[in-house]
């Protein structure tokens, strides 16, 4: 009872300051398993501070 899945990911990084990093990812997933189709869209954001 397998299936198929295909994923596309787009990411971006930015450094607005000497100690700050910003990241963003957008993910498109296409999957099917028989008659069940699940196609989530995911958006992630991350901020990182380093000392």
Protein backbone atom coordinates (compact mmCIF):
# COMPACT_ATOMS: atom_id res chain seq x y z
CA UNK A 1 0.00 0.00 0.00
CA UNK A 2 2.67 2.47 -1.02
CA UNK A 3 2.17 5.75 -2.73
CA UNK A 4 4.03 8.65 -4.27
CA UNK A 5 5.28 11.98 -2.94
CA UNK A 6 6.97 14.91 -4.61
CA UNK A 7 8.23 17.94 -2.66
CA UNK A 8 9.40 21.41 -3.73
CA UNK A 9 11.17 23.72 -1.28
CA UNK A 10 12.10 27.37 -1.62
CA UNK A 11 14.25 28.98 1.07
CA UNK A 12 15.79 32.36 1.83
CA UNK A 13 18.31 33.57 4.41
CA UNK A 14 18.99 37.12 5.52
CA UNK A 15 21.45 38.74 7.90
CA UNK A 16 19.94 42.10 9.00
CA UNK A 17 22.58 42.61 11.71
CA UNK A 18 25.91 41.27 12.90
CA UNK A 19 24.25 38.95 15.45
CA UNK A 20 20.89 38.24 13.81
CA UNK A 21 19.95 35.69 11.14
CA UNK A 22 16.49 35.32 9.57
CA UNK A 23 15.35 32.25 7.61
CA UNK A 24 12.16 31.43 5.70
CA UNK A 25 11.08 28.25 3.88
CA UNK A 26 8.06 27.55 1.72
CA UNK A 27 7.32 23.87 1.00
CA UNK A 28 4.85 22.38 -1.48
CA UNK A 29 4.21 18.64 -1.03
CA UNK A 30 2.20 16.49 -3.43
CA UNK A 31 1.35 12.98 -2.28
CA UNK A 32 -1.14 10.26 -3.06
CA UNK A 33 -1.84 6.84 -1.65
CA UNK A 34 -4.58 5.15 -3.60
CA UNK A 35 -7.66 7.38 -3.44
CA UNK A 36 -6.25 9.51 -0.60
CA UNK A 37 -4.50 12.70 -1.74
CA UNK A 38 -2.81 15.02 0.73
CA UNK A 39 -1.12 18.17 -0.63
CA UNK A 40 0.03 20.36 2.29
CA UNK A 41 1.56 23.81 1.92
CA UNK A 42 4.03 24.67 4.69
CA UNK A 43 5.57 28.06 5.52
CA UNK A 44 8.33 28.27 8.16
CA UNK A 45 10.08 31.30 9.65
CA UNK A 46 13.07 31.28 11.99
CA UNK A 47 15.06 33.99 13.79
CA UNK A 48 18.46 33.22 15.34
CA UNK A 49 20.54 35.40 17.64
CA UNK A 50 24.21 34.61 18.17
CA UNK A 51 26.61 36.10 20.72
